Amino acid sequence: MGISSLFKGAIKGAVVAKVLQVAERELRKPENQRKIKDGIKKLRGTRR
């Protein structure tokens, strides 16, 4: 395992952590929670 692959792994980890952080922040917003609930209701309605 070379230094470049170790470096790439570290960058991937940092990117994933940042994406999760942003997603978590967006999920805390009430308007986004409402959109998610509406989307789930639509999905459940189409399956039946």
PDB file of N, CA and C in Angstrom:
ATOM      1  N   MET A   1       0.857  -1.191   0.000  1.00  0.00           N
ATOM      2  CA  MET A   1       0.000   0.000   0.000  1.00  0.00           C
ATOM      3  C   MET A   1       0.890   1.236   0.000  1.00  0.00           C
ATOM      4  N   GLY A   2       0.778   2.018  -1.045  1.00  0.00           N
ATOM      5  CA  GLY A   2       1.607   3.209  -1.164  1.00  0.00           C
ATOM      6  C   GLY A   2       1.011   4.406  -0.451  1.00  0.00           C
ATOM      7  N   ILE A   3       1.809   5.436  -0.407  1.00  0.00           N
ATOM      8  CA  ILE A   3       1.365   6.668   0.252  1.00  0.00           C
ATOM      9  C   ILE A   3       0.193   7.285  -0.511  1.00  0.00           C
ATOM     10  N   SER A   4       0.215   7.181  -1.839  1.00  0.00           N
ATOM     11  CA  SER A   4      -0.868   7.790  -2.626  1.00  0.00           C
ATOM     12  C   SER A   4      -2.211   7.130  -2.336  1.00  0.00           C
ATOM     13  N   SER A   5      -2.227   5.793  -2.194  1.00  0.00           N
ATOM     14  CA  SER A   5      -3.494   5.119  -1.894  1.00  0.00           C
ATOM     15  C   SER A   5      -3.958   5.442  -0.479  1.00  0.00           C
ATOM     16  N   LEU A   6      -3.019   5.611   0.433  1.00  0.00           N
ATOM     17  CA  LEU A   6      -3.357   5.994   1.804  1.00  0.00           C
ATOM     18  C   LEU A   6      -3.967   7.399   1.809  1.00  0.00           C
ATOM     19  N   PHE A   7      -3.376   8.285   1.000  1.00  0.00           N
ATOM     20  CA  PHE A   7      -3.855   9.659   0.885  1.00  0.00           C
ATOM     21  C   PHE A   7      -5.255   9.696   0.278  1.00  0.00           C
ATOM     22  N   LYS A   8      -5.474   8.885  -0.771  1.00  0.00           N
ATOM     23  CA  LYS A   8      -6.796   8.816  -1.404  1.00  0.00           C
ATOM     24  C   LYS A   8      -7.843   8.313  -0.416  1.00  0.00           C
ATOM     25  N   GLY A   9      -7.474   7.328   0.392  1.00  0.00           N
ATOM     26  CA  GLY A   9      -8.392   6.797   1.397  1.00  0.00           C
ATOM     27  C   GLY A   9      -8.774   7.856   2.416  1.00  0.00           C
ATOM     28  N   ALA A  10      -7.806   8.656   2.825  1.00  0.00           N
ATOM     29  CA  ALA A  10      -8.063   9.718   3.800  1.00  0.00           C
ATOM     30  C   ALA A  10      -8.993  10.777   3.206  1.00  0.00           C
ATOM     31  N   ILE A  11      -8.779  11.106   1.937  1.00  0.00           N
ATOM     32  CA  ILE A  11      -9.631  12.102   1.278  1.00  0.00           C
ATOM     33  C   ILE A  11     -11.055  11.573   1.157  1.00  0.00           C
ATOM     34  N   LYS A  12     -11.202  10.297   0.755  1.00  0.00           N
ATOM     35  CA  LYS A  12     -12.539   9.706   0.650  1.00  0.00           C
ATOM     36  C   LYS A  12     -13.249   9.749   1.997  1.00  0.00           C
ATOM     37  N   GLY A  13     -12.541   9.430   3.060  1.00  0.00           N
ATOM     38  CA  GLY A  13     -13.126   9.455   4.399  1.00  0.00           C
ATOM     39  C   GLY A  13     -13.593  10.846   4.779  1.00  0.00           C
ATOM     40  N   ALA A  14     -12.791  11.845   4.446  1.00  0.00           N
ATOM     41  CA  ALA A  14     -13.142  13.229   4.768  1.00  0.00           C
ATOM     42  C   ALA A  14     -14.367  13.680   3.969  1.00  0.00           C
ATOM     43  N   VAL A  15     -14.436  13.280   2.706  1.00  0.00           N
ATOM     44  CA  VAL A  15     -15.576  13.656   1.860  1.00  0.00           C
ATOM     45  C   VAL A  15     -16.852  13.017   2.392  1.00  0.00           C
ATOM     46  N   VAL A  16     -16.783  11.735   2.740  1.00  0.00           N
ATOM     47  CA  VAL A  16     -17.954  11.035   3.279  1.00  0.00           C
ATOM     48  C   VAL A  16     -18.412  11.695   4.574  1.00  0.00           C
ATOM     49  N   ALA A  17     -17.478  12.038   5.449  1.00  0.00           N
ATOM     50  CA  ALA A  17     -17.820  12.677   6.719  1.00  0.00           C
ATOM     51  C   ALA A  17     -18.514  14.015   6.475  1.00  0.00           C
ATOM     52  N   LYS A  18     -18.028  14.788   5.506  1.00  0.00           N
ATOM     53  CA  LYS A  18     -18.616  16.097   5.207  1.00  0.00           C
ATOM     54  C   LYS A  18     -20.025  15.940   4.631  1.00  0.00           C
ATOM     55  N   VAL A  19     -20.204  14.966   3.736  1.00  0.00           N
ATOM     56  CA  VAL A  19     -21.526  14.717   3.149  1.00  0.00           C
ATOM     57  C   VAL A  19     -22.520  14.350   4.243  1.00  0.00           C
ATOM     58  N   LEU A  20     -22.110  13.478   5.163  1.00  0.00           N
ATOM     59  CA  LEU A  20     -22.994  13.078   6.262  1.00  0.00           C
ATOM     60  C   LEU A  20     -23.340  14.272   7.145  1.00  0.00           C
ATOM     61  N   GLN A  21     -22.357  15.136   7.378  1.00  0.00           N
ATOM     62  CA  GLN A  21     -22.569  16.324   8.214  1.00  0.00           C
ATOM     63  C   GLN A  21     -23.600  17.260   7.568  1.00  0.00           C
ATOM     64  N   VAL A  22     -23.468  17.487   6.277  1.00  0.00           N
ATOM     65  CA  VAL A  22     -24.399  18.359   5.554  1.00  0.00           C
ATOM     66  C   VAL A  22     -25.792  17.738   5.542  1.00  0.00           C
ATOM     67  N   ALA A  23     -25.866  16.428   5.288  1.00  0.00           N
ATOM     68  CA  ALA A  23     -27.160  15.740   5.249  1.00  0.00           C
ATOM     69  C   ALA A  23     -27.854  15.838   6.600  1.00  0.00           C
ATOM     70  N   GLU A  24     -27.087  15.648   7.668  1.00  0.00           N
ATOM     71  CA  GLU A  24     -27.655  15.728   9.015  1.00  0.00           C
ATOM     72  C   GLU A  24     -28.209  17.125   9.292  1.00  0.00           C
ATOM     73  N   ARG A  25     -27.464  18.142   8.874  1.00  0.00           N
ATOM     74  CA  ARG A  25     -27.902  19.529   9.078  1.00  0.00           C
ATOM     75  C   ARG A  25     -29.182  19.808   8.289  1.00  0.00           C
ATOM     76  N   GLU A  26     -29.256  19.319   7.061  1.00  0.00           N
ATOM     77  CA  GLU A  26     -30.447  19.527   6.233  1.00  0.00           C
ATOM     78  C   GLU A  26     -31.658  18.803   6.814  1.00  0.00           C
ATOM     79  N   LEU A  27     -31.444  17.618   7.382  1.00  0.00           N
ATOM     80  CA  LEU A  27     -32.552  16.843   7.941  1.00  0.00           C
ATOM     81  C   LEU A  27     -33.140  17.498   9.188  1.00  0.00           C
ATOM     82  N   ARG A  28     -32.384  18.366   9.831  1.00  0.00           N
ATOM     83  CA  ARG A  28     -32.893  19.051  11.026  1.00  0.00           C
ATOM     84  C   ARG A  28     -33.891  20.145  10.668  1.00  0.00           C
ATOM     85  N   LYS A  29     -33.868  20.600   9.427  1.00  0.00           N
ATOM     86  CA  LYS A  29     -34.759  21.693   9.014  1.00  0.00           C
ATOM     87  C   LYS A  29     -36.185  21.166   8.860  1.00  0.00           C
ATOM     88  N   PRO A  30     -37.167  21.831   9.476  1.00  0.00           N
ATOM     89  CA  PRO A  30     -38.560  21.365   9.428  1.00  0.00           C
ATOM     90  C   PRO A  30     -39.119  21.236   8.016  1.00  0.00           C
ATOM     91  N   GLU A  31     -38.754  22.161   7.121  1.00  0.00           N
ATOM     92  CA  GLU A  31     -39.306  22.082   5.760  1.00  0.00           C
ATOM     93  C   GLU A  31     -38.798  20.838   5.031  1.00  0.00           C
ATOM     94  N   ASN A  32     -37.564  20.440   5.314  1.00  0.00           N
ATOM     95  CA  ASN A  32     -37.029  19.230   4.686  1.00  0.00           C
ATOM     96  C   ASN A  32     -37.663  17.980   5.283  1.00  0.00           C
ATOM     97  N   GLN A  33     -37.946  17.998   6.579  1.00  0.00           N
ATOM     98  CA  GLN A  33     -38.618  16.861   7.215  1.00  0.00           C
ATOM     99  C   GLN A  33     -40.001  16.674   6.596  1.00  0.00           C
ATOM    100  N   ARG A  34     -40.684  17.782   6.334  1.00  0.00           N
ATOM    101  CA  ARG A  34     -42.020  17.714   5.730  1.00  0.00           C
ATOM    102  C   ARG A  34     -41.934  17.141   4.309  1.00  0.00           C
ATOM    103  N   LYS A  35     -40.931  17.576   3.544  1.00  0.00           N
ATOM    104  CA  LYS A  35     -40.759  17.065   2.178  1.00  0.00           C
ATOM    105  C   LYS A  35     -40.507  15.562   2.192  1.00  0.00           C
ATOM    106  N   ILE A  36     -39.697  15.102   3.138  1.00  0.00           N
ATOM    107  CA  ILE A  36     -39.390  13.672   3.243  1.00  0.00           C
ATOM    108  C   ILE A  36     -40.647  12.885   3.580  1.00  0.00           C
ATOM    109  N   LYS A  37     -41.423  13.387   4.533  1.00  0.00           N
ATOM    110  CA  LYS A  37     -42.668  12.700   4.918  1.00  0.00           C
ATOM    111  C   LYS A  37     -43.633  12.628   3.742  1.00  0.00           C
ATOM    112  N   ASP A  38     -43.748  13.726   2.991  1.00  0.00           N
ATOM    113  CA  ASP A  38     -44.624  13.741   1.817  1.00  0.00           C
ATOM    114  C   ASP A  38     -44.144  12.744   0.768  1.00  0.00           C
ATOM    115  N   GLY A  39     -42.839  12.676   0.573  1.00  0.00           N
ATOM    116  CA  GLY A  39     -42.267  11.736  -0.388  1.00  0.00           C
ATOM    117  C   GLY A  39     -42.530  10.296   0.003  1.00  0.00           C
ATOM    118  N   ILE A  40     -42.423   9.995   1.296  1.00  0.00           N
ATOM    119  CA  ILE A  40     -42.686   8.638   1.785  1.00  0.00           C
ATOM    120  C   ILE A  40     -44.151   8.280   1.581  1.00  0.00           C
ATOM    121  N   LYS A  41     -45.039   9.235   1.845  1.00  0.00           N
ATOM    122  CA  LYS A  41     -46.473   8.987   1.637  1.00  0.00           C
ATOM    123  C   LYS A  41     -46.759   8.677   0.168  1.00  0.00           C
ATOM    124  N   LYS A  42     -46.116   9.423  -0.745  1.00  0.00           N
ATOM    125  CA  LYS A  42     -46.313   9.184  -2.181  1.00  0.00           C
ATOM    126  C   LYS A  42     -45.819   7.794  -2.564  1.00  0.00           C
ATOM    127  N   LEU A  43     -44.661   7.405  -2.039  1.00  0.00           N
ATOM    128  CA  LEU A  43     -44.114   6.082  -2.352  1.00  0.00           C
ATOM    129  C   LEU A  43     -45.036   4.979  -1.861  1.00  0.00           C
ATOM    130  N   ARG A  44     -45.546   5.134  -0.659  1.00  0.00           N
ATOM    131  CA  ARG A  44     -46.455   4.124  -0.108  1.00  0.00           C
ATOM    132  C   ARG A  44     -47.739   4.050  -0.923  1.00  0.00           C
ATOM    133  N   GLY A  45     -48.204   5.185  -1.409  1.00  0.00           N
ATOM    134  CA  GLY A  45     -49.430   5.221  -2.201  1.00  0.00           C
ATOM    135  C   GLY A  45     -49.278   4.535  -3.552  1.00  0.00           C
ATOM    136  N   THR A  46     -48.094   4.622  -4.150  1.00  0.00           N
ATOM    137  CA  THR A  46     -47.901   4.024  -5.474  1.00  0.00           C
ATOM    138  C   THR A  46     -47.711   2.514  -5.403  1.00  0.00           C
ATOM    139  N   ARG A  47     -47.287   1.997  -4.272  1.00  0.00           N
ATOM    140  CA  ARG A  47     -47.044   0.559  -4.158  1.00  0.00           C
ATOM    141  C   ARG A  47     -48.331  -0.244  -4.053  1.00  0.00           C
ATOM    142  N   ARG A  48     -49.398   0.367  -3.554  1.00  0.00           N
ATOM    143  CA  ARG A  48     -50.641  -0.394  -3.327  1.00  0.00           C
ATOM    144  C   ARG A  48     -51.502  -0.498  -4.554  1.00  0.00           C
TER     145      ARG A  48
END
